[in-house]
Structure formats: C-alpha cells, structure tokens
Amino acid sequence: MRVSRKLRRQGSSYVITIPVDIVGLLGWEAGDSIFFKLEGGKLILEKGGEI
C-alpha cells in the first residue's frame, strides 16, 4: 500500500495527514503519539516511541 502525502510545516513541527483506513488498519487511535522520519525517500512511522 502506497500513500503519498505532503508534509506541511507548522512552526517548528510538521503535520501529516494519514487516511482513516490506514489508522484503523494499524490499530492507532485518536491522541496516539506518532513519530516519523524520512529514510531513503520513504516515510517511516512509529507509534508511542522515538525512532
């Protein structure tokens, strides 16, 4: 599954929009902390902890 989303800068942080079907598929809920990094042209997401 490939999802293309633009990162939007907001102050000193970024906002990404993740489609609700992916959020449900991954078992995430509203209010979960999501950390991300860019690696080799891919966006790597991790829930609840730093990468």
N, C-alpha and C. Protein backbone atom coordinates (compact mmCIF):
# COMPACT_ATOMS: atom_id res chain seq x y z
N MET A 1 0.85 -1.17 0.00
CA MET A 1 0.00 0.00 0.00
C MET A 1 0.90 1.24 0.00
N ARG A 2 0.67 2.12 -0.94
CA ARG A 2 1.49 3.33 -1.02
C ARG A 2 0.59 4.54 -0.83
N VAL A 3 1.00 5.42 0.04
CA VAL A 3 0.23 6.63 0.32
C VAL A 3 1.15 7.83 0.14
N SER A 4 0.79 8.72 -0.73
CA SER A 4 1.58 9.94 -0.92
C SER A 4 0.90 11.08 -0.18
N ARG A 5 1.62 11.71 0.68
CA ARG A 5 1.09 12.85 1.44
C ARG A 5 2.19 13.89 1.53
N LYS A 6 1.83 15.14 1.44
CA LYS A 6 2.80 16.22 1.61
C LYS A 6 2.95 16.54 3.08
N LEU A 7 4.16 16.81 3.49
CA LEU A 7 4.42 17.28 4.85
C LEU A 7 4.18 18.78 4.86
N ARG A 8 3.45 19.26 5.83
CA ARG A 8 3.16 20.69 5.94
C ARG A 8 3.83 21.21 7.20
N ARG A 9 4.67 22.21 7.03
CA ARG A 9 5.39 22.76 8.18
C ARG A 9 4.47 23.69 8.96
N GLN A 10 4.46 23.52 10.28
CA GLN A 10 3.64 24.33 11.16
C GLN A 10 4.51 24.75 12.34
N GLY A 11 5.12 25.95 12.23
CA GLY A 11 6.05 26.38 13.28
C GLY A 11 7.31 25.54 13.19
N SER A 12 7.67 24.90 14.29
CA SER A 12 8.88 24.08 14.31
C SER A 12 8.56 22.59 14.16
N SER A 13 7.31 22.26 13.81
CA SER A 13 6.95 20.86 13.63
C SER A 13 6.25 20.68 12.29
N TYR A 14 5.96 19.44 11.95
CA TYR A 14 5.31 19.12 10.69
C TYR A 14 3.98 18.42 10.97
N VAL A 15 3.04 18.62 10.07
CA VAL A 15 1.74 17.96 10.17
C VAL A 15 1.59 17.05 8.97
N ILE A 16 1.26 15.78 9.21
CA ILE A 16 0.97 14.87 8.11
C ILE A 16 -0.45 14.37 8.28
N THR A 17 -1.11 14.10 7.17
CA THR A 17 -2.47 13.57 7.19
C THR A 17 -2.40 12.10 6.80
N ILE A 18 -2.90 11.24 7.67
CA ILE A 18 -2.91 9.81 7.41
C ILE A 18 -4.37 9.39 7.23
N PRO A 19 -4.71 8.75 6.11
CA PRO A 19 -6.10 8.33 5.88
C PRO A 19 -6.62 7.44 7.00
N VAL A 20 -7.90 7.61 7.31
CA VAL A 20 -8.51 6.91 8.44
C VAL A 20 -8.45 5.39 8.29
N ASP A 21 -8.53 4.87 7.07
CA ASP A 21 -8.47 3.41 6.88
C ASP A 21 -7.10 2.86 7.26
N ILE A 22 -6.04 3.61 7.02
CA ILE A 22 -4.70 3.17 7.43
C ILE A 22 -4.55 3.24 8.94
N VAL A 23 -5.07 4.30 9.55
CA VAL A 23 -5.02 4.43 11.01
C VAL A 23 -5.71 3.24 11.67
N GLY A 24 -6.88 2.87 11.18
CA GLY A 24 -7.61 1.72 11.72
C GLY A 24 -6.87 0.42 11.48
N LEU A 25 -6.30 0.26 10.31
CA LEU A 25 -5.56 -0.95 9.96
C LEU A 25 -4.36 -1.16 10.88
N LEU A 26 -3.70 -0.07 11.26
CA LEU A 26 -2.52 -0.15 12.11
C LEU A 26 -2.86 -0.19 13.60
N GLY A 27 -4.14 -0.05 13.94
CA GLY A 27 -4.54 -0.12 15.35
C GLY A 27 -4.27 1.15 16.12
N TRP A 28 -4.08 2.28 15.43
CA TRP A 28 -3.85 3.55 16.10
C TRP A 28 -5.18 4.16 16.50
N GLU A 29 -5.17 5.01 17.50
CA GLU A 29 -6.37 5.70 17.96
C GLU A 29 -6.09 7.19 18.06
N ALA A 30 -7.16 7.98 18.12
CA ALA A 30 -7.01 9.43 18.28
C ALA A 30 -6.20 9.72 19.53
N GLY A 31 -5.26 10.64 19.43
CA GLY A 31 -4.44 11.02 20.57
C GLY A 31 -3.14 10.24 20.71
N ASP A 32 -2.95 9.18 19.91
CA ASP A 32 -1.69 8.43 19.94
C ASP A 32 -0.55 9.32 19.47
N SER A 33 0.62 9.15 20.06
CA SER A 33 1.81 9.85 19.60
C SER A 33 2.43 9.06 18.46
N ILE A 34 2.69 9.74 17.37
CA ILE A 34 3.29 9.10 16.20
C ILE A 34 4.59 9.84 15.89
N PHE A 35 5.68 9.11 15.82
CA PHE A 35 6.97 9.69 15.46
C PHE A 35 7.30 9.25 14.04
N PHE A 36 7.96 10.12 13.29
CA PHE A 36 8.29 9.75 11.92
C PHE A 36 9.67 10.25 11.53
N LYS A 37 10.22 9.59 10.51
CA LYS A 37 11.48 10.03 9.92
C LYS A 37 11.43 9.70 8.43
N LEU A 38 12.21 10.43 7.66
CA LEU A 38 12.35 10.15 6.24
C LEU A 38 13.62 9.32 6.05
N GLU A 39 13.47 8.22 5.33
CA GLU A 39 14.61 7.32 5.12
C GLU A 39 14.57 6.78 3.70
N GLY A 40 15.55 7.15 2.92
CA GLY A 40 15.61 6.64 1.54
C GLY A 40 14.38 6.98 0.72
N GLY A 41 13.82 8.14 0.91
CA GLY A 41 12.63 8.55 0.15
C GLY A 41 11.33 7.98 0.69
N LYS A 42 11.37 7.29 1.82
CA LYS A 42 10.17 6.72 2.43
C LYS A 42 9.91 7.38 3.77
N LEU A 43 8.66 7.47 4.14
CA LEU A 43 8.25 7.99 5.43
C LEU A 43 8.06 6.82 6.38
N ILE A 44 8.85 6.75 7.45
CA ILE A 44 8.78 5.66 8.43
C ILE A 44 8.03 6.17 9.65
N LEU A 45 6.95 5.50 10.02
CA LEU A 45 6.12 5.90 11.16
C LEU A 45 6.27 4.91 12.30
N GLU A 46 6.25 5.41 13.53
CA GLU A 46 6.29 4.55 14.71
C GLU A 46 5.37 5.15 15.77
N LYS A 47 4.58 4.30 16.39
CA LYS A 47 3.63 4.75 17.41
C LYS A 47 4.26 4.68 18.80
N GLY A 48 4.08 5.75 19.59
CA GLY A 48 4.38 5.73 21.01
C GLY A 48 5.82 5.67 21.45
N GLY A 49 6.75 5.91 20.59
CA GLY A 49 8.15 5.91 20.99
C GLY A 49 9.01 6.55 19.94
N GLU A 50 10.15 7.01 20.36
CA GLU A 50 11.04 7.66 19.40
C GLU A 50 11.73 6.63 18.53
N ILE A 51 12.04 7.02 17.34
CA ILE A 51 12.71 6.13 16.39
C ILE A 51 14.21 6.27 16.59
